[in-house]
Amino acid sequence: MNKLNKAMSIVTAVLSLSVISVFALMTFFGEKKERSFDENRQLAAFPTPSFKEMYNGSYAEQVDRYMTDHFAGRSKWVYANDRIHEELSESIVNGVYVSKERMLDTEISGQDNKVLMKNVDIINAFAKKYDDTTTVYIVAVPSSTGVYGDILPSHIISRSESQKINELYQLLINKIRTIDAYNILKMMKDNYIFYRNDTKWTSYGAYCVYKTVIQKLGFQSTLYDKYIIEHVTDTFRGDLYNRTLSDKPKADLIDIYNCPGSAEVVSCERILNDGSVSEGEIYDRSRLDSSDMYSMYLGEDVPVLKIKTSNQNDKKLLVIKDSYADCFIPFLIQHYSEIIVVSPDQLDRELSDIINIKDYSQTLFLFGINDLDKEISLEKITERN
């Protein structure tokens, strides 16, 4: 019996070492990818050794991250692990609630009041600085959790996004005109206004809010039946899918709203921080083949996007935004002769070094409410003292 046990132990050890060795060789010699399509993120590159990093232990940590990102069959292991986690933790995977209908972000944000106050101070300072030349408007958009949070398990407590938006608006000076998006979206919640696999609104959700925003800006909104809607893909899976790899909810549609007979885009210029200019697109369909399909709207982020239209009314709008605005911008095109779209997190210099802010009689801040309590580099929109 002892001989049999000893033989079994040896066989088990040899098999275990063989499996480990095979996976190690497959990991070391297997094809290395720079980016995970499913997770929509860059994978760790093999670190360059240095004496300092080897001494302080950071080199070993970098190697560990590299091996974790490039482990043989990694995507299948991650998928299996997330499904097990989903079953054992009340459908919560990496801070995301997963149901058959949709996914919702359960991670509590809004805890850093310092960052929020910093962003509020910058927006207030901008409105004061350009009070004589531009009227400032702001739209704070709730996430899908803010609208559908009532389907979350009862023990998950999150701060009301409606409350967060109201508190933000109360902190802004009276010169800034606030526009309600929350109640519009809450009222329309039974419609397809938010993606099932992403925190952001759909084009239809953006359209519902556009009708109110454009009236506040002094125009009549375009009727829904004037649009021809093109479904450009029905396989979109967004930021919540990237965190869970769950295919439980149905994949999403991405739509383009075409308005025949309205103003057309004459030029769309991508302006980088060094002043270089290249041609851009309102709809970059090539992005539908990427891991970030949503970036079809306006293309990859750049510091400034300058849109000129066939509209001859000489109305110019400055939009300072995050990704929520990307599918919203196309609805504005028929109302303005020129729109400047600014992504503050892409700026590495003062905005006034790139454009003349005083040329724009209206400025619209459009952000997801949960982005306004994060570092979004808004300080670049104000001039140096």
Protein backbone atom coordinates (compact mmCIF):
# COMPACT_ATOMS: atom_id res chain seq x y z
CA MET A 1 0.00 0.00 0.00
CA ASN A 2 2.87 2.35 0.88
CA LYS A 3 4.50 1.64 -2.46
CA LEU A 4 1.20 2.34 -4.22
CA ASN A 5 0.74 5.64 -2.35
CA LYS A 6 4.31 6.61 -3.13
CA ALA A 7 3.81 5.81 -6.82
CA MET A 8 0.57 7.79 -6.92
CA SER A 9 2.30 10.77 -5.29
CA ILE A 10 5.07 10.65 -7.87
CA VAL A 11 2.57 10.40 -10.75
CA THR A 12 0.55 13.30 -9.32
CA ALA A 13 3.69 15.43 -8.91
CA VAL A 14 4.90 14.64 -12.44
CA LEU A 15 1.48 15.41 -13.94
CA SER A 16 1.21 18.67 -11.98
CA LEU A 17 4.70 19.78 -13.00
CA SER A 18 3.95 18.80 -16.61
CA VAL A 19 0.75 20.86 -16.70
CA ILE A 20 2.49 23.85 -15.10
CA SER A 21 5.43 23.52 -17.51
CA VAL A 22 3.15 23.28 -20.55
CA PHE A 23 1.20 26.37 -19.53
CA ALA A 24 4.45 28.23 -18.76
CA LEU A 25 5.87 27.35 -22.19
CA MET A 26 2.59 28.27 -23.93
CA THR A 27 2.55 31.58 -22.07
CA PHE A 28 6.20 32.33 -22.83
CA PHE A 29 6.20 31.33 -26.50
CA GLY A 30 2.55 32.01 -27.37
CA GLU A 31 1.34 34.98 -29.42
CA LYS A 32 1.35 38.21 -27.42
CA LYS A 33 -1.36 40.80 -27.91
CA GLU A 34 -1.00 44.47 -27.12
CA ARG A 35 -4.69 44.98 -26.36
CA SER A 36 -7.59 42.95 -24.98
CA PHE A 37 -10.54 43.32 -27.35
CA ASP A 38 -13.08 42.03 -24.81
CA GLU A 39 -11.83 44.20 -21.94
CA ASN A 40 -11.07 47.20 -24.18
CA ARG A 41 -7.73 47.92 -22.51
CA GLN A 42 -4.00 47.80 -23.11
CA LEU A 43 -2.26 44.68 -21.87
CA ALA A 44 0.99 44.93 -19.91
CA ALA A 45 4.20 44.94 -21.94
CA PHE A 46 7.24 42.95 -20.83
CA PRO A 47 9.19 45.29 -18.55
CA THR A 48 12.72 46.44 -19.25
CA PRO A 49 14.88 45.42 -16.29
CA SER A 50 16.69 48.01 -14.24
CA PHE A 51 18.80 47.63 -11.09
CA LYS A 52 16.64 50.11 -9.14
CA GLU A 53 13.37 48.34 -9.95
CA MET A 54 14.84 44.92 -9.29
CA TYR A 55 16.13 46.16 -5.94
CA ASN A 56 12.86 47.74 -4.76
CA GLY A 57 10.69 44.86 -6.00
CA SER A 58 8.71 46.82 -8.60
CA TYR A 59 10.26 44.85 -11.46
CA ALA A 60 8.85 41.60 -10.06
CA GLU A 61 5.43 43.23 -9.82
CA GLN A 62 5.63 44.34 -13.46
CA VAL A 63 6.61 40.81 -14.54
CA ASP A 64 3.70 39.45 -12.53
CA ARG A 65 1.27 41.83 -14.29
CA TYR A 66 2.74 40.82 -17.65
CA MET A 67 2.33 37.10 -16.91
CA THR A 68 -1.23 37.66 -15.65
CA ASP A 69 -2.17 39.58 -18.81
CA HIS A 70 -0.59 37.06 -21.20
CA PHE A 71 -1.32 33.74 -19.48
CA ALA A 72 -2.19 31.06 -22.05
CA GLY A 73 -5.95 30.89 -22.61
CA ARG A 74 -6.39 33.92 -20.36
CA SER A 75 -9.65 35.20 -21.84
CA LYS A 76 -11.34 31.81 -21.32
CA TRP A 77 -10.07 31.61 -17.73
CA VAL A 78 -11.29 35.15 -17.03
CA TYR A 79 -14.69 34.36 -18.54
CA ALA A 80 -15.03 31.18 -16.45
CA ASN A 81 -13.92 32.96 -13.27
CA ASP A 82 -16.44 35.78 -13.81
CA ARG A 83 -19.28 33.32 -14.40
CA ILE A 84 -18.45 31.48 -11.15
CA HIS A 85 -18.22 34.82 -9.35
CA GLU A 86 -21.57 35.82 -10.83
CA GLU A 87 -23.27 32.72 -9.43
CA LEU A 88 -21.67 32.95 -5.98
CA SER A 89 -22.10 36.68 -5.30
CA GLU A 90 -25.72 37.60 -6.14
CA SER A 91 -24.88 38.42 -9.77
CA ILE A 92 -22.21 40.99 -8.85
CA VAL A 93 -19.01 40.78 -10.91
CA ASN A 94 -16.23 43.35 -10.49
CA GLY A 95 -18.69 45.86 -9.07
CA VAL A 96 -21.27 45.29 -11.84
CA TYR A 97 -24.75 43.88 -11.27
CA VAL A 98 -25.60 41.41 -14.04
CA SER A 99 -29.14 40.45 -15.00
CA LYS A 100 -30.77 39.12 -18.14
CA GLU A 101 -32.21 42.58 -18.92
CA ARG A 102 -29.14 44.76 -18.31
CA MET A 103 -25.96 45.41 -16.34
CA LEU A 104 -25.57 48.23 -13.80
CA ASP A 105 -22.52 49.72 -12.14
CA THR A 106 -22.78 49.28 -8.35
CA GLU A 107 -19.54 50.97 -7.36
CA ILE A 108 -20.29 54.03 -5.25
CA SER A 109 -18.87 57.24 -6.66
CA GLY A 110 -19.07 60.77 -5.45
CA GLN A 111 -16.99 60.27 -2.34
CA ASP A 112 -14.29 62.79 -3.22
CA ASN A 113 -15.90 66.17 -2.55
CA LYS A 114 -12.53 67.89 -3.01
CA VAL A 115 -12.39 66.88 -6.66
CA LEU A 116 -16.03 67.81 -7.22
CA MET A 117 -15.52 71.23 -5.64
CA LYS A 118 -12.40 71.76 -7.74
CA ASN A 119 -14.37 71.06 -10.94
CA VAL A 120 -17.25 73.27 -9.76
CA ASP A 121 -14.82 76.12 -9.01
CA ILE A 122 -13.32 75.83 -12.51
CA ILE A 123 -16.73 75.91 -14.21
CA ASN A 124 -17.76 78.90 -12.09
CA ALA A 125 -14.49 80.68 -12.88
CA PHE A 126 -15.00 80.03 -16.60
CA ALA A 127 -18.51 81.53 -16.47
CA LYS A 128 -17.23 84.63 -14.65
CA LYS A 129 -14.24 85.03 -16.95
CA TYR A 130 -16.31 84.98 -20.16
CA ASP A 131 -19.51 86.49 -18.81
CA ASP A 132 -19.43 89.32 -21.38
CA THR A 133 -19.02 87.06 -24.42
CA THR A 134 -20.64 83.68 -23.79
CA THR A 135 -23.72 82.28 -22.03
CA VAL A 136 -22.86 79.10 -20.12
CA TYR A 137 -25.17 76.09 -19.87
CA ILE A 138 -24.61 72.75 -18.16
CA VAL A 139 -26.21 69.32 -18.48
CA ALA A 140 -25.27 66.66 -15.91
CA VAL A 141 -26.36 63.27 -17.22
CA PRO A 142 -27.20 60.34 -14.94
CA SER A 143 -25.76 56.90 -15.66
CA SER A 144 -27.89 53.85 -16.31
CA THR A 145 -27.63 53.04 -12.59
CA GLY A 146 -29.12 56.44 -11.76
CA VAL A 147 -32.20 55.65 -13.85
CA TYR A 148 -32.58 51.89 -13.30
CA GLY A 149 -31.08 51.55 -9.82
CA ASP A 150 -34.39 50.31 -8.38
CA ILE A 151 -33.70 46.85 -9.85
CA LEU A 152 -30.53 46.42 -7.76
CA PRO A 153 -30.57 44.07 -4.73
CA SER A 154 -31.91 45.94 -1.68
CA HIS A 155 -28.65 45.69 0.31
CA ILE A 156 -26.72 47.64 -2.34
CA ILE A 157 -26.85 51.23 -1.18
CA SER A 158 -25.83 53.94 -3.60
CA ARG A 159 -26.20 57.66 -3.39
CA SER A 160 -29.05 59.00 -5.53
CA GLU A 161 -27.73 60.48 -8.76
CA SER A 162 -30.71 62.83 -8.74
CA GLN A 163 -29.47 64.15 -5.40
CA LYS A 164 -25.92 64.45 -6.72
CA ILE A 165 -27.10 66.46 -9.73
CA ASN A 166 -29.21 68.78 -7.58
CA GLU A 167 -26.31 69.38 -5.20
CA LEU A 168 -24.00 70.14 -8.14
CA TYR A 169 -26.45 72.62 -9.64
CA GLN A 170 -26.81 74.40 -6.28
CA LEU A 171 -23.03 74.91 -6.13
CA LEU A 172 -22.93 76.67 -9.51
CA ILE A 173 -23.25 80.44 -9.75
CA ASN A 174 -26.47 82.00 -11.05
CA LYS A 175 -24.83 82.99 -14.33
CA ILE A 176 -24.75 79.31 -15.32
CA ARG A 177 -28.01 77.95 -16.75
CA THR A 178 -28.66 74.40 -15.57
CA ILE A 179 -30.68 71.95 -17.65
CA ASP A 180 -32.45 68.91 -16.21
CA ALA A 181 -31.66 65.60 -17.88
CA TYR A 182 -32.44 63.26 -14.99
CA ASN A 183 -36.22 63.68 -14.84
CA ILE A 184 -36.54 63.49 -18.63
CA LEU A 185 -34.69 60.17 -18.71
CA LYS A 186 -36.43 58.80 -15.63
CA MET A 187 -39.78 59.53 -17.27
CA MET A 188 -38.66 57.69 -20.44
CA LYS A 189 -37.11 54.69 -18.64
CA ASP A 190 -39.40 52.15 -20.32
CA ASN A 191 -37.85 53.08 -23.69
CA TYR A 192 -34.45 52.15 -25.10
CA ILE A 193 -32.67 55.19 -23.64
CA PHE A 194 -29.62 53.45 -22.08
CA TYR A 195 -27.46 50.65 -23.35
CA ARG A 196 -27.84 47.29 -21.64
CA ASN A 197 -24.07 46.69 -21.55
CA ASP A 198 -22.77 50.20 -20.93
CA THR A 199 -23.28 53.04 -18.44
CA LYS A 200 -24.08 55.60 -21.17
CA TRP A 201 -27.28 56.64 -22.89
CA THR A 202 -28.27 55.56 -26.38
CA SER A 203 -28.79 57.98 -29.25
CA TYR A 204 -32.50 57.92 -28.47
CA GLY A 205 -31.80 58.83 -24.85
CA ALA A 206 -29.62 61.69 -26.08
CA TYR A 207 -32.39 62.79 -28.45
CA CYS A 208 -34.93 62.93 -25.60
CA VAL A 209 -32.67 65.35 -23.69
CA TYR A 210 -31.66 67.24 -26.86
CA LYS A 211 -35.27 68.42 -27.31
CA THR A 212 -35.10 70.33 -24.02
CA VAL A 213 -31.48 71.46 -24.36
CA ILE A 214 -31.90 72.97 -27.81
CA GLN A 215 -34.97 74.91 -26.69
CA LYS A 216 -32.95 76.35 -23.79
CA LEU A 217 -30.30 77.32 -26.33
CA GLY A 218 -32.91 79.25 -28.33
CA PHE A 219 -33.92 76.86 -31.15
CA GLN A 220 -36.83 74.62 -32.04
CA SER A 221 -36.05 70.92 -31.78
CA THR A 222 -36.35 68.66 -34.80
CA LEU A 223 -39.30 66.27 -34.68
CA TYR A 224 -38.44 62.60 -34.23
CA ASP A 225 -40.25 61.56 -37.42
CA LYS A 226 -37.97 63.83 -39.48
CA TYR A 227 -35.06 61.44 -38.85
CA ILE A 228 -34.11 58.35 -40.78
CA ILE A 229 -32.52 55.99 -38.26
CA GLU A 230 -29.77 53.63 -39.37
CA HIS A 231 -28.82 50.68 -37.14
CA VAL A 232 -25.09 50.43 -37.89
CA THR A 233 -24.47 47.48 -35.54
CA ASP A 234 -26.40 45.20 -33.23
CA THR A 235 -23.33 43.68 -31.53
CA PHE A 236 -22.20 46.53 -29.27
CA ARG A 237 -21.00 45.56 -25.80
CA GLY A 238 -19.71 48.46 -23.73
CA ASP A 239 -17.81 49.35 -20.58
CA LEU A 240 -19.86 47.13 -18.25
CA TYR A 241 -19.27 44.12 -20.50
CA ASN A 242 -15.54 44.93 -20.47
CA ARG A 243 -15.57 44.51 -16.68
CA THR A 244 -17.64 41.32 -16.58
CA LEU A 245 -17.35 39.59 -19.98
CA SER A 246 -20.96 38.56 -19.37
CA ASP A 247 -23.10 37.91 -22.41
CA LYS A 248 -26.26 37.46 -20.34
CA PRO A 249 -27.92 40.71 -21.54
CA LYS A 250 -28.56 41.02 -25.25
CA ALA A 251 -25.96 42.98 -27.24
CA ASP A 252 -26.84 46.61 -28.00
CA LEU A 253 -27.70 48.61 -31.11
CA ILE A 254 -25.72 51.64 -32.20
CA ASP A 255 -27.74 54.09 -34.28
CA ILE A 256 -27.12 57.02 -36.60
CA TYR A 257 -29.86 59.66 -36.86
CA ASN A 258 -29.91 61.18 -40.34
CA CYS A 259 -32.04 64.27 -40.99
CA PRO A 260 -32.57 64.76 -44.75
CA GLY A 261 -32.78 68.35 -45.92
CA SER A 262 -31.09 69.78 -42.81
CA ALA A 263 -27.67 71.44 -42.52
CA GLU A 264 -24.74 69.26 -43.52
CA VAL A 265 -21.19 69.03 -42.23
CA VAL A 266 -18.88 71.02 -44.49
CA SER A 267 -15.68 70.22 -42.60
CA CYS A 268 -14.62 68.36 -39.48
CA GLU A 269 -11.09 69.06 -38.23
CA ARG A 270 -9.18 67.24 -35.50
CA ILE A 271 -6.90 69.73 -33.73
CA LEU A 272 -4.09 68.36 -31.58
CA ASN A 273 -2.20 70.06 -28.77
CA ASP A 274 0.72 70.96 -31.06
CA GLY A 275 -1.68 72.78 -33.39
CA SER A 276 -1.56 70.16 -36.12
CA VAL A 277 -4.83 69.58 -37.96
CA SER A 278 -6.20 66.45 -39.64
CA GLU A 279 -9.51 65.47 -41.14
CA GLY A 280 -12.08 64.02 -38.75
CA GLU A 281 -15.52 62.47 -39.06
CA ILE A 282 -18.81 62.84 -37.21
CA TYR A 283 -19.32 59.12 -37.71
CA ASP A 284 -16.13 57.07 -37.98
CA ARG A 285 -17.52 53.72 -39.09
CA SER A 286 -14.08 52.11 -39.01
CA ARG A 287 -14.37 52.17 -35.20
CA LEU A 288 -17.15 49.58 -35.43
CA ASP A 289 -14.39 47.01 -36.04
CA SER A 290 -12.53 48.08 -32.89
CA SER A 291 -12.95 47.11 -29.24
CA ASP A 292 -14.55 50.53 -28.63
CA MET A 293 -17.53 50.67 -30.99
CA TYR A 294 -19.02 53.68 -29.19
CA SER A 295 -16.09 55.78 -30.45
CA MET A 296 -17.75 55.63 -33.88
CA TYR A 297 -19.38 58.85 -32.64
CA LEU A 298 -16.80 61.60 -33.39
CA GLY A 299 -13.95 59.07 -33.67
CA GLU A 300 -11.06 58.74 -31.24
CA ASP A 301 -10.86 61.52 -28.66
CA VAL A 302 -8.75 64.55 -29.57
CA PRO A 303 -8.30 67.81 -27.64
CA VAL A 304 -10.45 69.82 -30.06
CA LEU A 305 -12.83 68.91 -32.86
CA LYS A 306 -13.92 71.80 -35.08
CA ILE A 307 -17.16 71.22 -37.01
CA LYS A 308 -18.37 73.62 -39.70
CA THR A 309 -21.78 73.20 -41.28
CA SER A 310 -23.72 74.53 -44.24
CA ASN A 311 -25.87 76.57 -41.84
CA GLN A 312 -25.49 80.29 -42.57
CA ASN A 313 -26.85 81.70 -39.28
CA ASP A 314 -23.36 82.52 -37.86
CA LYS A 315 -24.30 80.82 -34.58
CA LYS A 316 -21.27 79.30 -32.87
CA LEU A 317 -21.28 76.86 -29.97
CA LEU A 318 -18.48 75.67 -27.69
CA VAL A 319 -19.08 72.23 -26.14
CA ILE A 320 -16.90 71.04 -23.25
CA LYS A 321 -17.65 67.39 -22.68
CA ASP A 322 -16.97 63.79 -21.78
CA SER A 323 -18.03 60.70 -23.75
CA TYR A 324 -21.74 61.18 -22.96
CA ALA A 325 -21.76 64.06 -25.45
CA ASP A 326 -20.36 62.04 -28.35
CA CYS A 327 -23.72 60.74 -29.59
CA PHE A 328 -25.41 64.02 -28.60
CA ILE A 329 -23.30 66.35 -30.78
CA PRO A 330 -24.82 65.22 -34.13
CA PHE A 331 -28.24 66.56 -33.06
CA LEU A 332 -26.74 70.06 -32.70
CA ILE A 333 -25.28 70.26 -36.19
CA GLN A 334 -28.41 71.53 -37.93
CA HIS A 335 -28.66 74.51 -35.54
CA TYR A 336 -25.15 76.01 -35.73
CA SER A 337 -22.72 77.18 -38.37
CA GLU A 338 -19.77 76.11 -36.21
CA ILE A 339 -19.33 73.84 -33.19
CA ILE A 340 -16.11 73.42 -31.26
CA VAL A 341 -16.00 70.20 -29.24
CA VAL A 342 -13.44 70.07 -26.41
CA SER A 343 -12.32 66.95 -24.53
CA PRO A 344 -10.54 68.44 -21.50
CA ASP A 345 -8.84 65.19 -20.53
CA GLN A 346 -6.97 65.31 -23.87
CA LEU A 347 -5.61 68.85 -23.39
CA ASP A 348 -2.02 69.36 -22.31
CA ARG A 349 -2.12 73.15 -22.67
CA GLU A 350 -4.55 75.99 -22.09
CA LEU A 351 -7.61 75.85 -24.34
CA SER A 352 -7.12 79.52 -25.15
CA ASP A 353 -3.79 78.58 -26.79
CA ILE A 354 -5.75 76.56 -29.37
CA ILE A 355 -8.98 78.54 -29.92
CA ASN A 356 -10.35 82.00 -29.16
CA ILE A 357 -13.03 81.24 -26.59
CA LYS A 358 -14.59 84.68 -27.04
CA ASP A 359 -15.68 83.73 -30.58
CA TYR A 360 -18.42 81.49 -29.16
CA SER A 361 -21.59 83.13 -27.85
CA GLN A 362 -22.78 79.95 -26.12
CA THR A 363 -20.90 77.32 -24.12
CA LEU A 364 -22.41 73.96 -23.18
CA PHE A 365 -20.85 71.75 -20.50
CA LEU A 366 -22.16 68.19 -20.95
CA PHE A 367 -20.85 65.49 -18.59
CA GLY A 368 -21.99 62.30 -16.92
CA ILE A 369 -22.60 63.21 -13.28
CA ASN A 370 -20.22 60.49 -12.09
CA ASP A 371 -17.37 62.01 -14.12
CA LEU A 372 -17.65 65.38 -12.43
CA ASP A 373 -16.25 64.03 -9.16
CA LYS A 374 -13.20 62.62 -10.95
CA GLU A 375 -10.02 64.28 -12.17
CA ILE A 376 -10.99 65.35 -15.71
CA SER A 377 -8.37 68.09 -16.29
CA LEU A 378 -10.93 70.90 -16.46
CA GLU A 379 -8.29 73.36 -15.33
CA LYS A 380 -7.03 73.55 -18.93
CA ILE A 381 -10.20 75.36 -20.07
CA THR A 382 -9.35 78.51 -18.09
CA GLU A 383 -6.68 81.04 -19.00
CA ARG A 384 -3.55 81.53 -17.01
CA ASN A 385 -3.74 84.35 -14.51
